[in-house]
PDB file of N, CA and C in Angstrom:
ATOM      1  N   MET A   1       0.853  -1.170   0.000  1.00  0.00           N
ATOM      2  CA  MET A   1       0.000   0.000   0.000  1.00  0.00           C
ATOM      3  C   MET A   1       0.897   1.230   0.000  1.00  0.00           C
ATOM      4  N   GLN A   2       0.576   2.117  -0.871  1.00  0.00           N
ATOM      5  CA  GLN A   2       1.316   3.373  -0.950  1.00  0.00           C
ATOM      6  C   GLN A   2       0.715   4.402   0.007  1.00  0.00           C
ATOM      7  N   SER A   3      -0.608   4.453   0.054  1.00  0.00           N
ATOM      8  CA  SER A   3      -1.280   5.397   0.945  1.00  0.00           C
ATOM      9  C   SER A   3      -2.700   4.921   1.201  1.00  0.00           C
ATOM     10  N   TYR A   4      -3.250   5.316   2.347  1.00  0.00           N
ATOM     11  CA  TYR A   4      -4.659   5.006   2.594  1.00  0.00           C
ATOM     12  C   TYR A   4      -5.460   6.294   2.637  1.00  0.00           C
ATOM     13  N   SER A   5      -6.744   6.163   2.289  1.00  0.00           N
ATOM     14  CA  SER A   5      -7.619   7.317   2.133  1.00  0.00           C
ATOM     15  C   SER A   5      -8.716   7.315   3.193  1.00  0.00           C
ATOM     16  N   LEU A   6      -9.144   8.484   3.574  1.00  0.00           N
ATOM     17  CA  LEU A   6     -10.269   8.635   4.501  1.00  0.00           C
ATOM     18  C   LEU A   6     -11.531   9.071   3.771  1.00  0.00           C
ATOM     19  N   LYS A   7     -11.472   9.153   2.449  1.00  0.00           N
ATOM     20  CA  LYS A   7     -12.600   9.666   1.674  1.00  0.00           C
ATOM     21  C   LYS A   7     -13.830   8.772   1.776  1.00  0.00           C
ATOM     22  N   VAL A   8     -13.678   7.467   1.622  1.00  0.00           N
ATOM     23  CA  VAL A   8     -14.808   6.540   1.675  1.00  0.00           C
ATOM     24  C   VAL A   8     -15.140   6.170   3.112  1.00  0.00           C
ATOM     25  N   ASP A   9     -14.111   5.912   3.915  1.00  0.00           N
ATOM     26  CA  ASP A   9     -14.299   5.545   5.326  1.00  0.00           C
ATOM     27  C   ASP A   9     -13.466   6.480   6.192  1.00  0.00           C
ATOM     28  N   PRO A  10     -14.063   7.554   6.695  1.00  0.00           N
ATOM     29  CA  PRO A  10     -13.299   8.521   7.490  1.00  0.00           C
ATOM     30  C   PRO A  10     -12.825   7.974   8.835  1.00  0.00           C
ATOM     31  N   THR A  11     -13.269   6.774   9.212  1.00  0.00           N
ATOM     32  CA  THR A  11     -12.827   6.185  10.482  1.00  0.00           C
ATOM     33  C   THR A  11     -11.618   5.269  10.304  1.00  0.00           C
ATOM     34  N   LEU A  12     -11.152   5.096   9.068  1.00  0.00           N
ATOM     35  CA  LEU A  12     -10.013   4.215   8.810  1.00  0.00           C
ATOM     36  C   LEU A  12      -8.756   4.795   9.449  1.00  0.00           C
ATOM     37  N   THR A  13      -8.026   3.950  10.144  1.00  0.00           N
ATOM     38  CA  THR A  13      -6.766   4.348  10.774  1.00  0.00           C
ATOM     39  C   THR A  13      -5.687   3.343  10.385  1.00  0.00           C
ATOM     40  N   GLU A  14      -4.461   3.684  10.664  1.00  0.00           N
ATOM     41  CA  GLU A  14      -3.361   2.760  10.385  1.00  0.00           C
ATOM     42  C   GLU A  14      -3.566   1.442  11.129  1.00  0.00           C
ATOM     43  N   ALA A  15      -4.048   1.498  12.353  1.00  0.00           N
ATOM     44  CA  ALA A  15      -4.287   0.285  13.135  1.00  0.00           C
ATOM     45  C   ALA A  15      -5.363  -0.599  12.501  1.00  0.00           C
ATOM     46  N   LYS A  16      -6.340  -0.004  11.837  1.00  0.00           N
ATOM     47  CA  LYS A  16      -7.435  -0.768  11.222  1.00  0.00           C
ATOM     48  C   LYS A  16      -7.045  -1.410   9.896  1.00  0.00           C
ATOM     49  N   LEU A  17      -5.880  -1.069   9.365  1.00  0.00           N
ATOM     50  CA  LEU A  17      -5.451  -1.655   8.099  1.00  0.00           C
ATOM     51  C   LEU A  17      -5.251  -3.164   8.221  1.00  0.00           C
ATOM     52  N   LYS A  18      -4.974  -3.650   9.426  1.00  0.00           N
ATOM     53  CA  LYS A  18      -4.769  -5.087   9.641  1.00  0.00           C
ATOM     54  C   LYS A  18      -5.989  -5.903   9.243  1.00  0.00           C
ATOM     55  N   THR A  19      -7.183  -5.343   9.416  1.00  0.00           N
ATOM     56  CA  THR A  19      -8.413  -6.081   9.124  1.00  0.00           C
ATOM     57  C   THR A  19      -9.123  -5.571   7.871  1.00  0.00           C
ATOM     58  N   LEU A  20      -8.496  -4.701   7.134  1.00  0.00           N
ATOM     59  CA  LEU A  20      -9.117  -4.134   5.938  1.00  0.00           C
ATOM     60  C   LEU A  20      -9.434  -5.204   4.898  1.00  0.00           C
ATOM     61  N   GLY A  21      -8.622  -6.226   4.820  1.00  0.00           N
ATOM     62  CA  GLY A  21      -8.829  -7.281   3.836  1.00  0.00           C
ATOM     63  C   GLY A  21     -10.194  -7.934   3.923  1.00  0.00           C
ATOM     64  N   ASP A  22     -10.776  -7.987   5.112  1.00  0.00           N
ATOM     65  CA  ASP A  22     -12.106  -8.576   5.294  1.00  0.00           C
ATOM     66  C   ASP A  22     -13.192  -7.748   4.611  1.00  0.00           C
ATOM     67  N   ARG A  23     -12.901  -6.493   4.319  1.00  0.00           N
ATOM     68  CA  ARG A  23     -13.899  -5.582   3.752  1.00  0.00           C
ATOM     69  C   ARG A  23     -13.709  -5.322   2.260  1.00  0.00           C
ATOM     70  N   LEU A  24     -12.625  -5.813   1.701  1.00  0.00           N
ATOM     71  CA  LEU A  24     -12.316  -5.554   0.295  1.00  0.00           C
ATOM     72  C   LEU A  24     -12.944  -6.597  -0.618  1.00  0.00           C
ATOM     73  N   HIS A  25     -13.312  -6.170  -1.802  1.00  0.00           N
ATOM     74  CA  HIS A  25     -13.801  -7.071  -2.850  1.00  0.00           C
ATOM     75  C   HIS A  25     -12.683  -7.181  -3.885  1.00  0.00           C
ATOM     76  N   LEU A  26     -11.837  -8.175  -3.714  1.00  0.00           N
ATOM     77  CA  LEU A  26     -10.649  -8.311  -4.551  1.00  0.00           C
ATOM     78  C   LEU A  26     -10.909  -9.205  -5.757  1.00  0.00           C
ATOM     79  N   PRO A  27     -10.186  -8.967  -6.849  1.00  0.00           N
ATOM     80  CA  PRO A  27     -10.301  -9.851  -8.014  1.00  0.00           C
ATOM     81  C   PRO A  27      -9.865 -11.278  -7.654  1.00  0.00           C
ATOM     82  N   ALA A  28     -10.345 -12.233  -8.408  1.00  0.00           N
ATOM     83  CA  ALA A  28      -9.979 -13.637  -8.180  1.00  0.00           C
ATOM     84  C   ALA A  28      -8.460 -13.787  -8.188  1.00  0.00           C
ATOM     85  N   GLY A  29      -7.945 -14.500  -7.209  1.00  0.00           N
ATOM     86  CA  GLY A  29      -6.512 -14.744  -7.113  1.00  0.00           C
ATOM     87  C   GLY A  29      -5.734 -13.688  -6.353  1.00  0.00           C
ATOM     88  N   TRP A  30      -6.376 -12.586  -6.008  1.00  0.00           N
ATOM     89  CA  TRP A  30      -5.700 -11.526  -5.266  1.00  0.00           C
ATOM     90  C   TRP A  30      -5.885 -11.757  -3.768  1.00  0.00           C
ATOM     91  N   HIS A  31      -4.904 -11.303  -2.979  1.00  0.00           N
ATOM     92  CA  HIS A  31      -4.960 -11.437  -1.525  1.00  0.00           C
ATOM     93  C   HIS A  31      -4.499 -10.132  -0.891  1.00  0.00           C
ATOM     94  N   TYR A  32      -5.056  -9.830   0.252  1.00  0.00           N
ATOM     95  CA  TYR A  32      -4.621  -8.666   1.027  1.00  0.00           C
ATOM     96  C   TYR A  32      -3.939  -9.206   2.270  1.00  0.00           C
ATOM     97  N   ARG A  33      -2.715  -8.804   2.491  1.00  0.00           N
ATOM     98  CA  ARG A  33      -2.008  -9.218   3.699  1.00  0.00           C
ATOM     99  C   ARG A  33      -1.208  -8.031   4.226  1.00  0.00           C
ATOM    100  N   VAL A  34      -0.943  -8.068   5.500  1.00  0.00           N
ATOM    101  CA  VAL A  34      -0.251  -6.968   6.170  1.00  0.00           C
ATOM    102  C   VAL A  34       1.012  -7.506   6.819  1.00  0.00           C
ATOM    103  N   ARG A  35       2.067  -6.759   6.691  1.00  0.00           N
ATOM    104  CA  ARG A  35       3.290  -7.083   7.424  1.00  0.00           C
ATOM    105  C   ARG A  35       3.994  -5.779   7.763  1.00  0.00           C
ATOM    106  N   GLN A  36       4.723  -5.798   8.837  1.00  0.00           N
ATOM    107  CA  GLN A  36       5.470  -4.621   9.267  1.00  0.00           C
ATOM    108  C   GLN A  36       6.937  -4.851   8.940  1.00  0.00           C
ATOM    109  N   LEU A  37       7.515  -3.925   8.212  1.00  0.00           N
ATOM    110  CA  LEU A  37       8.919  -4.043   7.843  1.00  0.00           C
ATOM    111  C   LEU A  37       9.808  -3.815   9.057  1.00  0.00           C
ATOM    112  N   GLU A  38      10.887  -4.576   9.126  1.00  0.00           N
ATOM    113  CA  GLU A  38      11.838  -4.415  10.223  1.00  0.00           C
ATOM    114  C   GLU A  38      12.806  -3.273   9.962  1.00  0.00           C
ATOM    115  N   GLN A  39      12.934  -2.900   8.700  1.00  0.00           N
ATOM    116  CA  GLN A  39      13.770  -1.758   8.342  1.00  0.00           C
ATOM    117  C   GLN A  39      13.167  -1.085   7.122  1.00  0.00           C
ATOM    118  N   GLU A  40      13.598   0.118   6.850  1.00  0.00           N
ATOM    119  CA  GLU A  40      13.070   0.874   5.719  1.00  0.00           C
ATOM    120  C   GLU A  40      13.340   0.139   4.413  1.00  0.00           C
ATOM    121  N   SER A  41      12.386   0.184   3.522  1.00  0.00           N
ATOM    122  CA  SER A  41      12.519  -0.455   2.217  1.00  0.00           C
ATOM    123  C   SER A  41      12.524   0.623   1.135  1.00  0.00           C
ATOM    124  N   VAL A  42      13.508   0.560   0.254  1.00  0.00           N
ATOM    125  CA  VAL A  42      13.614   1.507  -0.849  1.00  0.00           C
ATOM    126  C   VAL A  42      13.588   0.715  -2.148  1.00  0.00           C
ATOM    127  N   LEU A  43      12.663   1.060  -3.027  1.00  0.00           N
ATOM    128  CA  LEU A  43      12.565   0.400  -4.322  1.00  0.00           C
ATOM    129  C   LEU A  43      13.124   1.318  -5.394  1.00  0.00           C
ATOM    130  N   HIS A  44      14.063   0.814  -6.147  1.00  0.00           N
ATOM    131  CA  HIS A  44      14.626   1.565  -7.269  1.00  0.00           C
ATOM    132  C   HIS A  44      13.963   1.031  -8.531  1.00  0.00           C
ATOM    133  N   ILE A  45      13.275   1.901  -9.237  1.00  0.00           N
ATOM    134  CA  ILE A  45      12.553   1.436 -10.417  1.00  0.00           C
ATOM    135  C   ILE A  45      13.300   1.808 -11.687  1.00  0.00           C
ATOM    136  N   ASP A  46      13.220   0.925 -12.630  1.00  0.00           N
ATOM    137  CA  ASP A  46      13.796   1.151 -13.946  1.00  0.00           C
ATOM    138  C   ASP A  46      12.758   0.669 -14.947  1.00  0.00           C
ATOM    139  N   GLY A  47      11.751   1.462 -15.127  1.00  0.00           N
ATOM    140  CA  GLY A  47      10.663   1.053 -15.996  1.00  0.00           C
ATOM    141  C   GLY A  47       9.387   1.759 -15.607  1.00  0.00           C
ATOM    142  N   GLN A  48       8.320   0.997 -15.502  1.00  0.00           N
ATOM    143  CA  GLN A  48       7.015   1.570 -15.225  1.00  0.00           C
ATOM    144  C   GLN A  48       6.560   1.253 -13.807  1.00  0.00           C
ATOM    145  N   ALA A  49       5.726   2.122 -13.294  1.00  0.00           N
ATOM    146  CA  ALA A  49       5.051   1.888 -12.019  1.00  0.00           C
ATOM    147  C   ALA A  49       3.556   1.859 -12.309  1.00  0.00           C
ATOM    148  N   HIS A  50       2.869   0.893 -11.744  1.00  0.00           N
ATOM    149  CA  HIS A  50       1.432   0.744 -11.958  1.00  0.00           C
ATOM    150  C   HIS A  50       0.715   1.047 -10.651  1.00  0.00           C
ATOM    151  N   LEU A  51      -0.260   1.924 -10.704  1.00  0.00           N
ATOM    152  CA  LEU A  51      -0.998   2.348  -9.523  1.00  0.00           C
ATOM    153  C   LEU A  51      -2.447   1.904  -9.650  1.00  0.00           C
ATOM    154  N   ILE A  52      -2.967   1.281  -8.592  1.00  0.00           N
ATOM    155  CA  ILE A  52      -4.376   0.900  -8.553  1.00  0.00           C
ATOM    156  C   ILE A  52      -4.964   1.360  -7.226  1.00  0.00           C
ATOM    157  N   GLN A  53      -6.290   1.444  -7.175  1.00  0.00           N
ATOM    158  CA  GLN A  53      -6.986   1.805  -5.945  1.00  0.00           C
ATOM    159  C   GLN A  53      -8.011   0.731  -5.623  1.00  0.00           C
ATOM    160  N   ASP A  54      -8.248   0.528  -4.326  1.00  0.00           N
ATOM    161  CA  ASP A  54      -9.238  -0.452  -3.896  1.00  0.00           C
ATOM    162  C   ASP A  54     -10.594   0.212  -3.672  1.00  0.00           C
ATOM    163  N   ASP A  55     -11.523  -0.539  -3.071  1.00  0.00           N
ATOM    164  CA  ASP A  55     -12.887  -0.059  -2.835  1.00  0.00           C
ATOM    165  C   ASP A  55     -12.941   1.200  -1.970  1.00  0.00           C
ATOM    166  N   PHE A  56     -11.897   1.430  -1.185  1.00  0.00           N
ATOM    167  CA  PHE A  56     -11.871   2.556  -0.255  1.00  0.00           C
ATOM    168  C   PHE A  56     -10.953   3.677  -0.736  1.00  0.00           C
ATOM    169  N   GLN A  57     -10.523   3.602  -1.989  1.00  0.00           N
ATOM    170  CA  GLN A  57      -9.636   4.577  -2.625  1.00  0.00           C
ATOM    171  C   GLN A  57      -8.250   4.626  -1.987  1.00  0.00           C
ATOM    172  N   ASN A  58      -7.842   3.509  -1.381  1.00  0.00           N
ATOM    173  CA  ASN A  58      -6.468   3.361  -0.922  1.00  0.00           C
ATOM    174  C   ASN A  58      -5.623   3.039  -2.148  1.00  0.00           C
ATOM    175  N   SER A  59      -4.408   3.533  -2.194  1.00  0.00           N
ATOM    176  CA  SER A  59      -3.565   3.378  -3.378  1.00  0.00           C
ATOM    177  C   SER A  59      -2.469   2.340  -3.166  1.00  0.00           C
ATOM    178  N   TYR A  60      -2.247   1.545  -4.211  1.00  0.00           N
ATOM    179  CA  TYR A  60      -1.215   0.511  -4.213  1.00  0.00           C
ATOM    180  C   TYR A  60      -0.369   0.712  -5.454  1.00  0.00           C
ATOM    181  N   GLN A  61       0.918   0.452  -5.320  1.00  0.00           N
ATOM    182  CA  GLN A  61       1.809   0.632  -6.454  1.00  0.00           C
ATOM    183  C   GLN A  61       2.631  -0.622  -6.669  1.00  0.00           C
ATOM    184  N   ARG A  62       2.719  -1.027  -7.911  1.00  0.00           N
ATOM    185  CA  ARG A  62       3.580  -2.142  -8.296  1.00  0.00           C
ATOM    186  C   ARG A  62       4.629  -1.577  -9.233  1.00  0.00           C
ATOM    187  N   VAL A  63       5.862  -1.911  -8.976  1.00  0.00           N
ATOM    188  CA  VAL A  63       6.940  -1.415  -9.827  1.00  0.00           C
ATOM    189  C   VAL A  63       7.567  -2.577 -10.576  1.00  0.00           C
ATOM    190  N   GLY A  64       8.145  -2.255 -11.715  1.00  0.00           N
ATOM    191  CA  GLY A  64       8.837  -3.294 -12.467  1.00  0.00           C
ATOM    192  C   GLY A  64       8.448  -3.293 -13.909  1.00  0.00           C
TER     193      GLY A  64
END
């Protein structure tokens, strides 16, 4: 997840992201999972970045 939005659900918080997957209508084969990084992650892209939004207008980015 790149960012989460309060536009659709103004009560959404960072803590509630753990259970957001139960509320999403994902395409077949897609999964929502949460993990906390132990250290900062930096992605260096050499190509295109693809951005999508879920039912709550949260943004996700795939690079490569």
